[in-house]
């Protein structure tokens, strides 16, 4: 019984090892990335990168990297940024 389960697990691991690595994708809507939308909204509300970083609990370089599109935003961080910027998550994703 356990041998058959172990065999199935070994087959799954082997299949995963052979599978191509997932590619990093960048979501763009309406020609603007999430980071560009965050930057635009942040500037509209008159907030600096330092203010936003402090409010959401990340570093200033992290906000800079998000806005440039070199770092991805998790759903939790995106939700927190939207809350601080007093906008909807849809506003961050695209117009």
N, C-alpha and C. Protein backbone atom coordinates (compact mmCIF):
# COMPACT_ATOMS: atom_id res chain seq x y z
N UNK A 1 0.83 -1.19 0.00
CA UNK A 1 0.00 0.00 0.00
C UNK A 1 0.88 1.26 0.00
N UNK A 2 1.84 1.33 0.94
CA UNK A 2 2.69 2.49 1.01
C UNK A 2 3.65 2.56 -0.17
N UNK A 3 4.06 1.41 -0.67
CA UNK A 3 4.98 1.38 -1.80
C UNK A 3 4.33 2.00 -3.04
N UNK A 4 3.04 1.73 -3.23
CA UNK A 4 2.36 2.31 -4.40
C UNK A 4 2.22 3.83 -4.25
N UNK A 5 1.98 4.29 -3.04
CA UNK A 5 1.89 5.74 -2.80
C UNK A 5 3.24 6.40 -3.03
N UNK A 6 4.28 5.77 -2.52
CA UNK A 6 5.63 6.31 -2.70
C UNK A 6 5.98 6.36 -4.18
N UNK A 7 5.62 5.32 -4.90
CA UNK A 7 5.89 5.26 -6.35
C UNK A 7 5.18 6.41 -7.07
N UNK A 8 3.90 6.67 -6.71
CA UNK A 8 3.15 7.75 -7.33
C UNK A 8 3.78 9.11 -7.01
N UNK A 9 4.21 9.28 -5.75
CA UNK A 9 4.86 10.53 -5.37
C UNK A 9 6.16 10.73 -6.13
N UNK A 10 6.92 9.67 -6.26
CA UNK A 10 8.18 9.75 -7.02
C UNK A 10 7.92 10.14 -8.46
N UNK A 11 6.85 9.59 -9.05
CA UNK A 11 6.50 9.92 -10.44
C UNK A 11 6.10 11.39 -10.56
N UNK A 12 5.36 11.89 -9.57
CA UNK A 12 4.96 13.30 -9.58
C UNK A 12 6.17 14.22 -9.47
N UNK A 13 7.07 13.88 -8.56
CA UNK A 13 8.29 14.69 -8.38
C UNK A 13 9.10 14.69 -9.67
N UNK A 14 9.23 13.54 -10.29
CA UNK A 14 9.98 13.43 -11.54
C UNK A 14 9.35 14.29 -12.63
N UNK A 15 8.01 14.25 -12.71
CA UNK A 15 7.31 15.05 -13.71
C UNK A 15 7.51 16.55 -13.45
N UNK A 16 7.47 16.95 -12.18
CA UNK A 16 7.67 18.36 -11.84
C UNK A 16 9.09 18.81 -12.15
N UNK A 17 10.04 17.94 -11.91
CA UNK A 17 11.44 18.29 -12.19
C UNK A 17 11.68 18.46 -13.68
N UNK A 18 10.95 17.74 -14.50
CA UNK A 18 11.11 17.83 -15.95
C UNK A 18 10.33 19.00 -16.55
N UNK A 19 9.34 19.49 -15.82
CA UNK A 19 8.49 20.58 -16.32
C UNK A 19 9.31 21.86 -16.43
N UNK A 20 9.01 22.70 -17.42
CA UNK A 20 9.74 23.97 -17.55
C UNK A 20 9.42 24.88 -16.37
N UNK A 21 10.40 25.70 -15.99
CA UNK A 21 10.22 26.63 -14.89
C UNK A 21 9.19 27.68 -15.28
N UNK A 22 8.34 28.09 -14.33
CA UNK A 22 7.34 29.12 -14.65
C UNK A 22 8.02 30.43 -14.99
N UNK A 23 7.49 31.13 -15.95
CA UNK A 23 8.03 32.41 -16.38
C UNK A 23 7.42 33.54 -15.57
N UNK A 24 8.23 34.53 -15.25
CA UNK A 24 7.74 35.72 -14.57
C UNK A 24 6.96 36.56 -15.59
N UNK A 25 5.74 36.88 -15.27
CA UNK A 25 4.95 37.69 -16.19
C UNK A 25 4.65 39.04 -15.55
N UNK A 26 4.49 40.02 -16.37
CA UNK A 26 4.14 41.34 -15.90
C UNK A 26 2.76 41.67 -16.44
N UNK A 27 1.87 42.00 -15.52
CA UNK A 27 0.50 42.30 -15.91
C UNK A 27 0.43 43.76 -16.36
N UNK A 28 -0.10 43.96 -17.55
CA UNK A 28 -0.30 45.31 -18.06
C UNK A 28 -1.74 45.44 -18.52
N UNK A 29 -2.35 46.51 -18.13
CA UNK A 29 -3.70 46.81 -18.55
C UNK A 29 -3.70 48.24 -19.09
N UNK A 30 -4.36 48.45 -20.16
CA UNK A 30 -4.45 49.78 -20.76
C UNK A 30 -3.08 50.39 -21.01
N UNK A 31 -2.08 49.53 -21.30
CA UNK A 31 -0.76 50.03 -21.61
C UNK A 31 0.06 50.46 -20.41
N UNK A 32 -0.50 50.40 -19.21
CA UNK A 32 0.23 50.79 -18.01
C UNK A 32 0.35 49.59 -17.09
N UNK A 33 1.48 49.48 -16.40
CA UNK A 33 1.67 48.40 -15.44
C UNK A 33 1.06 48.80 -14.10
N UNK A 34 0.94 47.83 -13.24
CA UNK A 34 0.42 48.10 -11.89
C UNK A 34 1.30 49.14 -11.21
N UNK A 35 2.61 48.99 -11.35
CA UNK A 35 3.53 49.95 -10.73
C UNK A 35 3.33 51.36 -11.23
N UNK A 36 3.13 51.49 -12.54
CA UNK A 36 2.89 52.83 -13.11
C UNK A 36 1.57 53.41 -12.59
N UNK A 37 0.56 52.55 -12.43
CA UNK A 37 -0.71 53.01 -11.88
C UNK A 37 -0.56 53.46 -10.44
N UNK A 38 0.21 52.70 -9.65
CA UNK A 38 0.45 53.07 -8.26
C UNK A 38 1.14 54.44 -8.20
N UNK A 39 2.15 54.62 -9.04
CA UNK A 39 2.88 55.89 -9.07
C UNK A 39 1.96 57.05 -9.42
N UNK A 40 1.14 56.85 -10.44
CA UNK A 40 0.23 57.91 -10.88
C UNK A 40 -0.76 58.28 -9.77
N UNK A 41 -1.36 57.28 -9.15
CA UNK A 41 -2.34 57.54 -8.08
C UNK A 41 -1.65 58.17 -6.88
N UNK A 42 -0.46 57.67 -6.53
CA UNK A 42 0.29 58.21 -5.39
C UNK A 42 0.57 59.69 -5.60
N UNK A 43 0.98 60.05 -6.80
CA UNK A 43 1.26 61.46 -7.09
C UNK A 43 -0.01 62.31 -7.06
N UNK A 44 -1.13 61.75 -7.55
CA UNK A 44 -2.40 62.48 -7.55
C UNK A 44 -2.85 62.82 -6.13
N UNK A 45 -2.59 61.91 -5.19
CA UNK A 45 -3.00 62.18 -3.81
C UNK A 45 -1.95 62.95 -3.03
N UNK A 46 -0.83 63.28 -3.70
CA UNK A 46 0.21 64.09 -3.08
C UNK A 46 1.05 63.35 -2.05
N UNK A 47 1.27 62.09 -2.28
CA UNK A 47 2.04 61.27 -1.34
C UNK A 47 3.40 60.95 -1.93
N UNK A 48 4.42 61.00 -1.11
CA UNK A 48 5.77 60.64 -1.56
C UNK A 48 5.96 59.13 -1.44
N UNK A 49 7.03 58.65 -2.08
CA UNK A 49 7.35 57.23 -1.95
C UNK A 49 7.65 56.89 -0.50
N UNK A 50 8.30 57.81 0.20
CA UNK A 50 8.62 57.61 1.61
C UNK A 50 7.35 57.46 2.43
N UNK A 51 6.36 58.33 2.18
CA UNK A 51 5.09 58.27 2.91
C UNK A 51 4.37 56.95 2.65
N UNK A 52 4.33 56.54 1.39
CA UNK A 52 3.65 55.30 1.04
C UNK A 52 4.36 54.09 1.65
N UNK A 53 5.68 54.08 1.55
CA UNK A 53 6.45 52.98 2.12
C UNK A 53 6.20 52.86 3.62
N UNK A 54 6.23 53.98 4.30
CA UNK A 54 6.00 53.98 5.75
C UNK A 54 4.59 53.50 6.09
N UNK A 55 3.61 53.95 5.31
CA UNK A 55 2.22 53.60 5.58
C UNK A 55 1.92 52.11 5.37
N UNK A 56 2.60 51.48 4.42
CA UNK A 56 2.32 50.07 4.13
C UNK A 56 3.36 49.13 4.75
N UNK A 57 4.40 49.69 5.36
CA UNK A 57 5.37 48.88 6.07
C UNK A 57 6.42 48.20 5.21
N UNK A 58 6.82 48.86 4.13
CA UNK A 58 7.92 48.34 3.30
C UNK A 58 8.96 49.45 3.16
N UNK A 59 10.08 49.13 2.54
CA UNK A 59 11.15 50.12 2.38
C UNK A 59 10.85 51.03 1.18
N UNK A 60 11.51 52.17 1.17
CA UNK A 60 11.39 53.11 0.05
C UNK A 60 11.89 52.46 -1.24
N UNK A 61 13.04 51.76 -1.21
CA UNK A 61 13.48 51.10 -2.44
C UNK A 61 12.47 50.07 -2.97
N UNK A 62 11.74 49.43 -2.07
CA UNK A 62 10.72 48.46 -2.50
C UNK A 62 9.62 49.18 -3.30
N UNK A 63 9.16 50.32 -2.80
CA UNK A 63 8.13 51.09 -3.53
C UNK A 63 8.69 51.54 -4.87
N UNK A 64 9.92 51.99 -4.89
CA UNK A 64 10.57 52.42 -6.13
C UNK A 64 10.62 51.27 -7.13
N UNK A 65 11.00 50.10 -6.68
CA UNK A 65 11.09 48.93 -7.55
C UNK A 65 9.71 48.50 -8.06
N UNK A 66 8.71 48.60 -7.21
CA UNK A 66 7.33 48.26 -7.63
C UNK A 66 6.89 49.22 -8.73
N UNK A 67 7.13 50.51 -8.52
CA UNK A 67 6.70 51.50 -9.50
C UNK A 67 7.46 51.36 -10.82
N UNK A 68 8.71 50.94 -10.77
CA UNK A 68 9.49 50.72 -12.00
C UNK A 68 9.13 49.41 -12.67
N UNK A 69 8.47 48.52 -11.93
CA UNK A 69 8.08 47.23 -12.49
C UNK A 69 9.12 46.14 -12.34
N UNK A 70 10.14 46.38 -11.50
CA UNK A 70 11.15 45.36 -11.29
C UNK A 70 10.81 44.43 -10.13
N UNK A 71 9.83 44.79 -9.33
CA UNK A 71 9.32 43.94 -8.25
C UNK A 71 7.82 43.76 -8.44
N UNK A 72 7.36 42.56 -8.14
CA UNK A 72 5.93 42.27 -8.24
C UNK A 72 5.23 42.65 -6.94
N UNK A 73 3.95 42.90 -7.04
CA UNK A 73 3.14 43.24 -5.88
C UNK A 73 2.30 42.04 -5.51
N UNK A 74 2.35 41.62 -4.25
CA UNK A 74 1.47 40.55 -3.80
C UNK A 74 0.07 41.11 -3.64
N UNK A 75 -0.90 40.24 -3.58
CA UNK A 75 -2.28 40.70 -3.39
C UNK A 75 -2.44 41.43 -2.07
N UNK A 76 -1.80 40.91 -1.03
CA UNK A 76 -1.91 41.56 0.28
C UNK A 76 -1.30 42.96 0.27
N UNK A 77 -0.12 43.09 -0.34
CA UNK A 77 0.52 44.41 -0.41
C UNK A 77 -0.28 45.33 -1.32
N UNK A 78 -0.79 44.80 -2.42
CA UNK A 78 -1.62 45.61 -3.32
C UNK A 78 -2.86 46.13 -2.62
N UNK A 79 -3.48 45.28 -1.82
CA UNK A 79 -4.67 45.69 -1.07
C UNK A 79 -4.32 46.77 -0.06
N UNK A 80 -3.17 46.63 0.59
CA UNK A 80 -2.75 47.63 1.57
C UNK A 80 -2.42 48.95 0.89
N UNK A 81 -1.76 48.90 -0.26
CA UNK A 81 -1.45 50.11 -1.01
C UNK A 81 -2.74 50.80 -1.45
N UNK A 82 -3.69 50.02 -1.95
CA UNK A 82 -4.98 50.59 -2.38
C UNK A 82 -5.69 51.27 -1.21
N UNK A 83 -5.63 50.63 -0.04
CA UNK A 83 -6.26 51.19 1.16
C UNK A 83 -5.63 52.53 1.53
N UNK A 84 -4.30 52.57 1.52
CA UNK A 84 -3.58 53.80 1.88
C UNK A 84 -3.83 54.90 0.86
N UNK A 85 -3.88 54.53 -0.43
CA UNK A 85 -4.11 55.52 -1.48
C UNK A 85 -5.59 55.86 -1.65
N UNK A 86 -6.42 55.20 -0.84
CA UNK A 86 -7.88 55.42 -0.88
C UNK A 86 -8.45 55.20 -2.28
N UNK A 87 -8.07 54.05 -2.85
CA UNK A 87 -8.58 53.68 -4.17
C UNK A 87 -8.95 52.21 -4.14
N UNK A 88 -9.44 51.72 -5.24
CA UNK A 88 -9.85 50.33 -5.37
C UNK A 88 -8.71 49.54 -6.01
N UNK A 89 -8.66 48.24 -5.74
CA UNK A 89 -7.64 47.39 -6.37
C UNK A 89 -7.74 47.47 -7.88
N UNK A 90 -8.94 47.62 -8.41
CA UNK A 90 -9.12 47.74 -9.86
C UNK A 90 -8.40 48.96 -10.41
N UNK A 91 -8.30 50.01 -9.60
CA UNK A 91 -7.58 51.22 -10.04
C UNK A 91 -6.09 50.93 -10.19
N UNK A 92 -5.56 50.02 -9.37
CA UNK A 92 -4.15 49.67 -9.46
C UNK A 92 -3.87 48.77 -10.66
N UNK A 93 -4.83 47.91 -10.97
CA UNK A 93 -4.65 46.95 -12.07
C UNK A 93 -4.79 47.64 -13.42
N UNK A 94 -5.73 48.51 -13.56
CA UNK A 94 -5.92 49.19 -14.84
C UNK A 94 -7.14 50.06 -14.82
N UNK A 95 -7.19 50.90 -15.80
CA UNK A 95 -8.30 51.86 -15.86
C UNK A 95 -9.39 51.35 -16.76
